[in-house]
Amino acid sequence: MRTIPKPVAAGAILSLLAILFGFSLGGAFGAVEDVFKTRLADSGNAALETVYKGDVAAKDAVVKKSWDYLIRAHLHAGAIGTASLASIAMMILLCPLTLPAQLSAAAFGAGALIYPGFWLLAGFMAPGLGGTGAAKKALELVAVPGAGLCLLGVFGTLSCVAKAAFSSPKS
């Protein structure tokens, strides 16, 4: 039986968890979409007088965009989780699993979970804060590291694969 090389196992597991997160969100949205939309609307309604100053149209626009953010979390989790898993597979096949490869795998896997989590949290927070911009600003410390980890994983994989593709084989 083949096993996942220990140096990249954490990254692979995080990637699979991100994919599971995306699939779970999609399943939950399909099963109980109305519950999510009601939760967003209730959050907006609770802030209608204080945050929106009674402007129902403004509140409704934020609630609608917040639902889009929840969908974005679902899509990002599945896509980034899959991309990170594919990158880790490429490194297993083509690269020596040195510290840079290990860090790239862990970074990409962690980013694949953190960045979609940012979109989910922003979606839930936005109706109560009065807008998606306010939610994104409040969650910068989640978004930036999550996206940064993904980029580190991509650049690390690219570096490793390019090195493997263009270097002479050792005899």
Protein backbone atom coordinates (compact mmCIF):
# COMPACT_ATOMS: atom_id res chain seq x y z
CA MET A 1 0.00 0.00 0.00
CA ARG A 2 1.27 3.48 -0.90
CA THR A 3 0.97 6.24 1.63
CA ILE A 4 1.05 9.99 1.40
CA PRO A 5 4.59 11.13 2.12
CA LYS A 6 4.69 12.46 5.68
CA PRO A 7 6.29 15.80 4.71
CA VAL A 8 3.18 16.84 2.74
CA ALA A 9 0.49 14.89 4.62
CA ALA A 10 -0.69 17.89 6.65
CA GLY A 11 -1.14 19.96 3.49
CA ALA A 12 -3.03 17.14 1.78
CA ILE A 13 -5.33 16.67 4.76
CA LEU A 14 -6.03 20.41 4.97
CA SER A 15 -6.78 20.43 1.23
CA LEU A 16 -9.23 17.56 1.61
CA LEU A 17 -10.86 19.31 4.56
CA ALA A 18 -11.31 22.41 2.39
CA ILE A 19 -12.97 20.30 -0.31
CA LEU A 20 -15.22 18.73 2.34
CA PHE A 21 -16.03 22.22 3.65
CA GLY A 22 -17.06 23.34 0.16
CA PHE A 23 -19.15 20.23 -0.49
CA SER A 24 -20.77 20.51 2.94
CA LEU A 25 -21.71 24.13 2.35
CA GLY A 26 -23.17 23.20 -1.03
CA GLY A 27 -25.17 20.37 0.50
CA ALA A 28 -26.41 22.57 3.32
CA PHE A 29 -27.39 25.30 0.89
CA GLY A 30 -29.27 22.80 -1.23
CA ALA A 31 -31.01 21.22 1.74
CA VAL A 32 -31.92 24.29 3.79
CA GLU A 33 -31.28 27.37 1.66
CA ASP A 34 -34.25 29.15 3.24
CA VAL A 35 -32.73 28.80 6.71
CA PHE A 36 -29.58 30.58 5.58
CA LYS A 37 -31.47 33.31 3.77
CA THR A 38 -33.78 33.81 6.76
CA ARG A 39 -30.76 34.10 9.07
CA LEU A 40 -29.27 36.78 6.83
CA ALA A 41 -32.58 38.65 6.58
CA ASP A 42 -33.11 38.48 10.36
CA SER A 43 -29.63 39.89 10.94
CA GLY A 44 -30.38 42.76 8.56
CA ASN A 45 -33.80 43.37 10.11
CA ALA A 46 -32.25 43.59 13.58
CA ALA A 47 -30.06 46.43 12.31
CA LEU A 48 -32.72 48.10 10.11
CA GLU A 49 -33.30 51.16 12.31
CA THR A 50 -29.82 51.59 13.76
CA VAL A 51 -27.54 50.72 10.86
CA TYR A 52 -29.74 51.21 7.78
CA LYS A 53 -31.78 54.13 9.21
CA GLY A 54 -34.98 52.40 8.06
CA ASP A 55 -33.84 52.01 4.44
CA VAL A 56 -35.33 48.61 3.56
CA ALA A 57 -33.96 48.66 0.00
CA ALA A 58 -30.40 49.17 1.29
CA LYS A 59 -30.84 46.36 3.81
CA ASP A 60 -32.25 44.03 1.16
CA ALA A 61 -29.34 44.76 -1.18
CA VAL A 62 -26.83 43.87 1.54
CA VAL A 63 -28.73 40.68 2.43
CA LYS A 64 -28.72 39.65 -1.25
CA LYS A 65 -25.00 40.31 -1.60
CA SER A 66 -24.38 38.46 1.67
CA TRP A 67 -25.98 35.35 0.18
CA ASP A 68 -23.58 35.74 -2.76
CA TYR A 69 -20.72 35.75 -0.25
CA LEU A 70 -21.92 32.48 1.25
CA ILE A 71 -22.00 30.96 -2.23
CA ARG A 72 -18.51 32.38 -2.82
CA ALA A 73 -17.28 30.56 0.31
CA HIS A 74 -18.67 27.28 -1.04
CA LEU A 75 -17.07 27.77 -4.46
CA HIS A 76 -13.71 28.95 -3.12
CA ALA A 77 -13.43 26.03 -0.70
CA GLY A 78 -13.99 23.46 -3.41
CA ALA A 79 -11.82 25.17 -6.00
CA ILE A 80 -8.88 26.15 -3.82
CA GLY A 81 -8.98 22.84 -1.97
CA THR A 82 -8.81 21.00 -5.29
CA ALA A 83 -6.06 23.25 -6.62
CA SER A 84 -3.99 22.79 -3.48
CA LEU A 85 -4.45 19.01 -3.58
CA ALA A 86 -3.41 18.94 -7.26
CA SER A 87 -0.36 21.07 -6.46
CA ILE A 88 0.65 18.75 -3.66
CA ALA A 89 0.24 15.76 -5.99
CA MET A 90 2.51 17.46 -8.53
CA MET A 91 5.12 18.06 -5.86
CA ILE A 92 4.94 14.41 -4.75
CA LEU A 93 5.47 13.27 -8.33
CA LEU A 94 8.09 15.77 -9.46
CA CYS A 95 9.92 17.35 -6.56
CA PRO A 96 12.13 16.41 -3.67
CA LEU A 97 10.02 16.91 -0.58
CA THR A 98 12.40 19.34 1.08
CA LEU A 99 11.39 22.06 3.52
CA PRO A 100 10.20 24.48 0.79
CA ALA A 101 7.87 21.80 -0.63
CA GLN A 102 6.62 20.94 2.85
CA LEU A 103 5.93 24.59 3.64
CA SER A 104 4.24 25.12 0.26
CA ALA A 105 1.94 22.15 0.85
CA ALA A 106 1.03 23.26 4.37
CA ALA A 107 0.53 26.89 3.30
CA PHE A 108 -1.69 26.02 0.35
CA GLY A 109 -3.76 23.57 2.41
CA ALA A 110 -4.21 26.05 5.26
CA GLY A 111 -5.07 28.88 2.87
CA ALA A 112 -7.62 26.63 1.17
CA LEU A 113 -9.51 26.49 4.48
CA ILE A 114 -8.91 29.99 5.81
CA TYR A 115 -9.75 32.05 2.73
CA PRO A 116 -13.19 30.49 2.09
CA GLY A 117 -13.85 30.82 5.81
CA PHE A 118 -13.34 34.55 5.40
CA TRP A 119 -16.09 34.72 2.75
CA LEU A 120 -18.46 32.71 4.93
CA LEU A 121 -17.88 34.94 7.96
CA ALA A 122 -18.15 38.11 5.86
CA GLY A 123 -21.44 36.91 4.44
CA PHE A 124 -22.91 36.28 7.87
CA MET A 125 -21.58 39.52 9.37
CA ALA A 126 -22.48 41.94 6.56
CA PRO A 127 -26.24 42.36 7.19
CA GLY A 128 -25.65 43.38 10.80
CA LEU A 129 -22.81 45.73 9.91
CA GLY A 130 -24.62 47.54 7.11
CA GLY A 131 -22.62 46.30 4.17
CA THR A 132 -20.18 43.82 2.76
CA GLY A 133 -17.42 46.43 2.73
CA ALA A 134 -17.68 46.78 6.51
CA ALA A 135 -17.60 42.99 6.91
CA LYS A 136 -14.53 42.65 4.67
CA LYS A 137 -12.77 45.43 6.58
CA ALA A 138 -13.58 43.76 9.91
CA LEU A 139 -12.16 40.46 8.66
CA GLU A 140 -9.00 41.68 6.91
CA LEU A 141 -6.90 39.74 9.39
CA VAL A 142 -8.52 36.54 8.14
CA ALA A 143 -8.64 37.35 4.41
CA VAL A 144 -5.10 38.58 3.91
CA PRO A 145 -3.30 35.68 5.61
CA GLY A 146 -5.65 33.17 3.95
CA ALA A 147 -5.01 34.55 0.48
CA GLY A 148 -1.33 34.99 1.26
CA LEU A 149 -0.97 31.35 2.27
CA CYS A 150 -2.62 30.30 -0.99
CA LEU A 151 -0.21 32.46 -2.98
CA LEU A 152 2.77 31.09 -1.06
CA GLY A 153 1.57 27.59 -1.89
CA VAL A 154 1.17 28.39 -5.58
CA PHE A 155 4.57 30.10 -5.84
CA GLY A 156 6.25 27.31 -3.89
CA THR A 157 4.71 24.68 -6.14
CA LEU A 158 5.58 26.64 -9.27
CA SER A 159 9.17 27.03 -8.11
CA CYS A 160 9.52 23.36 -7.28
CA VAL A 161 7.92 22.13 -10.51
CA ALA A 162 9.88 24.60 -12.67
CA LYS A 163 13.09 23.52 -10.99
CA ALA A 164 12.23 19.87 -11.64
CA ALA A 165 11.27 20.59 -15.26
CA PHE A 166 14.34 22.59 -16.21
CA SER A 167 17.13 21.11 -14.14
CA SER A 168 19.36 18.32 -15.36
CA PRO A 169 18.74 14.93 -13.78
CA LYS A 170 21.38 13.90 -11.28
CA SER A 171 23.28 10.80 -12.23
